[in-house]
Every structure is written in C-alpha cells, then in structure tokens.
Protein backbone atom coordinates (compact mmCIF):
# COMPACT_ATOMS: atom_id res chain seq x y z
CA UNK A 1 108.38 75.61 103.83
CA UNK A 2 106.01 76.20 106.72
CA UNK A 3 106.37 79.58 108.39
CA UNK A 4 105.89 80.41 112.05
CA UNK A 5 102.65 82.13 113.12
CA UNK A 6 104.70 85.19 114.14
CA UNK A 7 106.37 85.49 110.72
CA UNK A 8 103.04 85.12 108.93
CA UNK A 9 101.49 87.74 111.21
CA UNK A 10 104.37 90.17 110.60
CA UNK A 11 104.06 89.80 106.84
CA UNK A 12 100.27 90.11 107.02
CA UNK A 13 100.38 93.28 109.10
CA UNK A 14 102.91 94.90 106.76
CA UNK A 15 101.11 93.91 103.55
CA UNK A 16 98.82 96.65 102.36
CA UNK A 17 98.22 100.18 101.18
CA UNK A 18 98.76 102.68 103.98
CA UNK A 19 98.05 106.38 104.50
CA UNK A 20 99.08 108.91 107.17
CA UNK A 21 96.44 111.50 106.26
CA UNK A 22 95.22 112.12 109.81
CA UNK A 23 98.73 112.89 111.01
CA UNK A 24 99.53 115.09 108.01
CA UNK A 25 96.37 117.15 108.50
CA UNK A 26 97.04 117.56 112.21
CA UNK A 27 100.70 118.59 111.77
CA UNK A 28 101.34 119.57 108.14
CA UNK A 29 104.53 121.49 108.94
CA UNK A 30 106.35 118.29 109.87
CA UNK A 31 104.53 115.41 108.22
CA UNK A 32 104.02 115.06 104.49
CA UNK A 33 100.82 113.28 103.50
CA UNK A 34 102.07 109.96 102.13
CA UNK A 35 100.68 106.84 100.56
CA UNK A 36 102.72 103.70 101.23
CA UNK A 37 102.36 100.38 99.41
CA UNK A 38 103.85 97.11 100.60
CA UNK A 39 103.01 94.16 98.37
CA UNK A 40 104.08 90.51 98.60
CA UNK A 41 106.51 89.40 95.90
CA UNK A 42 107.51 85.86 94.97
CA UNK A 43 111.21 85.93 95.85
CA UNK A 44 113.10 83.84 98.45
CA UNK A 45 109.98 81.75 98.96
CA UNK A 46 112.07 78.83 100.20
CA UNK A 47 112.60 80.45 103.60
CA UNK A 48 111.16 83.97 103.59
CA UNK A 49 108.16 86.19 103.00
CA UNK A 50 109.20 89.18 100.90
CA UNK A 51 107.51 92.52 100.30
CA UNK A 52 108.02 95.21 97.69
CA UNK A 53 107.62 98.70 99.14
CA UNK A 54 107.33 102.17 97.64
CA UNK A 55 105.67 105.40 98.65
CA UNK A 56 104.39 108.62 97.12
CA UNK A 57 103.30 112.09 98.10
CA UNK A 58 99.52 112.21 98.06
CA UNK A 59 99.59 115.06 95.53
CA UNK A 60 101.77 113.05 93.14
CA UNK A 61 100.66 109.43 93.36
CA UNK A 62 101.84 108.68 89.83
CA UNK A 63 105.47 109.24 90.85
CA UNK A 64 106.26 106.86 93.71
CA UNK A 65 109.77 106.73 95.14
CA UNK A 66 111.99 104.78 97.58
CA UNK A 67 111.38 101.35 96.01
CA UNK A 68 112.86 98.57 98.13
CA UNK A 69 112.41 94.97 99.18
CA UNK A 70 111.86 93.73 102.72
CA UNK A 71 112.79 90.09 103.20
CA UNK A 72 111.12 88.76 106.36
CA UNK A 73 112.67 85.62 107.75
CA UNK A 74 113.55 83.73 110.88
CA UNK A 75 116.97 84.46 112.35
CA UNK A 76 119.34 81.69 111.26
CA UNK A 77 120.93 81.60 114.72
CA UNK A 78 117.66 81.75 116.67
CA UNK A 79 114.42 80.46 115.18
CA UNK A 80 112.47 82.36 117.84
CA UNK A 81 113.70 85.67 116.46
CA UNK A 82 112.76 87.37 113.20
CA UNK A 83 114.76 89.62 110.89
CA UNK A 84 114.02 92.05 108.09
CA UNK A 85 116.68 92.29 105.40
CA UNK A 86 116.48 95.25 103.02
CA UNK A 87 117.36 95.05 99.34
CA UNK A 88 118.05 97.76 96.76
CA UNK A 89 116.41 97.46 93.34
CA UNK A 90 119.14 98.14 90.78
CA UNK A 91 116.83 99.64 88.16
CA UNK A 92 113.88 101.19 90.00
CA UNK A 93 112.12 102.13 86.75
CA UNK A 94 111.39 98.46 86.09
CA UNK A 95 109.03 98.28 89.06
CA UNK A 96 107.98 101.91 89.54
CA UNK A 97 104.27 101.96 90.29
CA UNK A 98 104.09 98.30 91.28
CA UNK A 99 102.36 99.29 94.50
CA UNK A 100 99.24 99.94 92.43
CA UNK A 101 100.16 97.64 89.53
CA UNK A 102 101.51 94.42 91.07
CA UNK A 103 101.84 92.72 87.68
CA UNK A 104 105.11 94.66 87.33
CA UNK A 105 106.56 92.46 90.07
CA UNK A 106 106.06 89.23 88.13
CA UNK A 107 109.34 89.63 86.24
CA UNK A 108 111.46 90.77 89.19
CA UNK A 109 114.39 88.40 89.81
CA UNK A 110 117.16 88.11 92.38
CA UNK A 111 119.60 89.34 89.72
CA UNK A 112 117.82 92.71 89.74
CA UNK A 113 118.24 93.35 93.45
CA UNK A 114 121.14 93.88 95.82
CA UNK A 115 121.32 93.02 99.51
CA UNK A 116 122.14 95.96 101.79
CA UNK A 117 124.15 94.15 104.48
CA UNK A 118 124.13 97.01 106.98
CA UNK A 119 120.36 97.49 106.62
CA UNK A 120 119.07 94.51 108.58
CA UNK A 121 116.62 94.82 111.45
CA UNK A 122 115.99 92.53 114.39
CA UNK A 123 112.30 92.14 115.11
CA UNK A 124 111.10 91.80 118.67
CA UNK A 125 107.62 90.45 119.21
CA UNK A 126 104.97 90.44 121.90
CA UNK A 127 102.08 88.02 121.68
CA UNK A 128 98.92 89.89 122.67
CA UNK A 129 96.48 87.01 122.07
CA UNK A 130 96.60 83.58 120.36
CA UNK A 131 96.60 85.18 116.89
CA UNK A 132 97.61 88.74 117.71
CA UNK A 133 101.12 90.18 117.93
CA UNK A 134 102.92 93.47 118.33
CA UNK A 135 106.25 93.90 116.53
CA UNK A 136 109.04 96.45 116.81
CA UNK A 137 112.51 96.65 115.29
CA UNK A 138 116.07 97.61 116.14
CA UNK A 139 119.13 97.58 113.88
CA UNK A 140 121.14 94.36 114.01
CA UNK A 141 124.44 96.23 114.14
CA UNK A 142 125.75 99.72 114.87
CA UNK A 143 127.07 100.00 111.31
CA UNK A 144 125.11 102.73 109.47
CA UNK A 145 122.59 101.66 106.84
CA UNK A 146 124.12 102.95 103.60
CA UNK A 147 123.57 102.37 99.90
CA UNK A 148 124.85 103.79 96.63
CA UNK A 149 122.53 104.93 93.87
CA UNK A 150 123.64 106.60 90.62
CA UNK A 151 127.10 107.21 92.05
CA UNK A 152 125.86 108.87 95.24
CA UNK A 153 126.10 107.29 98.69
CA UNK A 154 123.15 107.71 101.03
CA UNK A 155 122.78 106.94 104.73
CA UNK A 156 119.43 106.21 106.33
CA UNK A 157 117.97 105.05 109.60
CA UNK A 158 115.18 102.49 109.20
CA UNK A 159 112.72 101.02 111.65
CA UNK A 160 109.05 100.38 112.36
CA UNK A 161 106.46 99.23 114.88
CA UNK A 162 103.43 97.36 113.61
CA UNK A 163 100.29 95.66 114.86
CA UNK A 164 97.15 94.51 113.09
CA UNK A 165 95.75 98.00 113.68
CA UNK A 166 98.52 100.42 112.73
CA UNK A 167 102.01 100.96 111.35
CA UNK A 168 104.57 103.42 112.67
CA UNK A 169 107.72 104.08 110.62
CA UNK A 170 110.89 105.78 111.83
CA UNK A 171 112.78 106.11 108.54
CA UNK A 172 115.10 109.11 108.35
CA UNK A 173 117.79 110.33 106.00
CA UNK A 174 121.09 110.95 107.78
CA UNK A 175 123.83 113.46 106.95
CA UNK A 176 126.98 111.25 107.03
CA UNK A 177 129.14 114.22 107.96
CA UNK A 178 127.18 115.22 111.06
CA UNK A 179 125.13 112.13 111.88
CA UNK A 180 122.01 114.31 112.09
CA UNK A 181 118.67 113.47 110.51
CA UNK A 182 117.82 115.70 107.55
CA UNK A 183 114.50 114.29 106.28
CA UNK A 184 111.82 111.84 107.31
CA UNK A 185 110.59 111.13 110.82
CA UNK A 186 112.41 114.07 112.40
CA UNK A 187 109.96 114.67 115.27
CA UNK A 188 108.74 111.12 115.71
CA UNK A 189 107.30 108.29 113.66
CA UNK A 190 104.92 108.50 110.74
CA UNK A 191 101.57 107.00 111.78
CA UNK A 192 99.95 104.99 108.99
CA UNK A 193 96.53 103.41 108.80
CA UNK A 194 95.86 100.52 106.42
CA UNK A 195 93.47 101.38 103.62
CA UNK A 196 93.69 98.11 101.67
CA UNK A 197 94.92 94.71 102.80
CA UNK A 198 97.27 92.78 100.50
CA UNK A 199 97.93 89.87 102.86
CA UNK A 200 95.87 87.60 100.62
CA UNK A 201 98.73 87.80 98.12
CA UNK A 202 101.17 86.13 100.53
CA UNK A 203 102.32 82.62 99.48
CA UNK A 204 101.12 80.93 102.68
C-alpha cells in the first residue's frame, strides 16, 4: 500500500532514539532524565506504519519500561486525517530492550499484542513546507485511556507534538479516584531531542 506524505512524515519524525537531557538538567526536580526509543516494527503493514516504543531512566538504561505499540494510520472515515492506535504487549519481557536490540521485534506477532480501544489519538497536521509538517494529537473520545496489567488497572493520559526537529510528550499517569495526574508530565510536556534516526527502518 502507498502511504500519504503526511503519514510517512509522522512515522519518520517519531522513529528514533530520543533524550530529554537538557530539560532534566535545567529542572531536575520535575523532569527525570529519560531515553526514549521508537522503532519501526513489521506489523499491520497492509495499511499502517507501526512503531515499538519503550523508555528508560538514564541511570538505568538496561531496564527499560512502558513497552507499547503505536499504530499510525489514516482515519477510516476521513483519509485526510491520521490516527494513532495504542497496543499493549501481553508479555513485555519478550521485547524488553528492543529499543537498542531491534532483532527482538522480529518475532513479535499480532497474537502477542492487545488493542487499547480507549487509547486512540487523532492527529492534526500543519504543512509547513512541501516536505515539512507539524503534528499534534488529541484523544479521539472522552473515555479514559485504561489498561490492565498483572491484575491491576491503570489510567493514563497520552499525547504528543512532533516536528522534524523535536518531540514533546504529554503522557501522565492518572489517579482514577480523583482524576488527578500522579506521575509524568505534571508541569508540562517532556521535551525530547532525537539522538539517532530510525526512519530508515520504515517499510516505505
């Protein structure tokens, strides 16, 4: 399938190894120094570009956490709009560390992941130049993004802004009882800079 220039640009901008070191040094009380990996993975290639994501504290890079899949696709009801669908990985240990060791993703199948229906984002886009875009996201619905892992239910808020130059993430953990954020981007987004570009791994 041929993908739109906007979808290819979105996947390209998001594909890479990212770091928020400058932000963490400037405001260490509120921003942990993180390394974020987002690598293309060969799933849903018939209509989507899909990324595996995980992150780690800079002082513990060998123990990444929050593994997930981002399926980037055109909105079925409006081909001019894009969506990001999030998937849970049922057994995270199978792919832990795949950000730095992408060979671990070669055996990942659709049977090992689970769609999180309430965790879908609508992507709005602004074309800055013929081959340059700016993207931002909003939740598709007002239903909270929730998932269950090892018998516990978690609620999160997810979102990002991205250009070819930078990535801002708004992910926060939410206390279901109060609706208040308890971890993550409490005072504003995490500002990431791309250290390594993985867009060459995209199947386009």
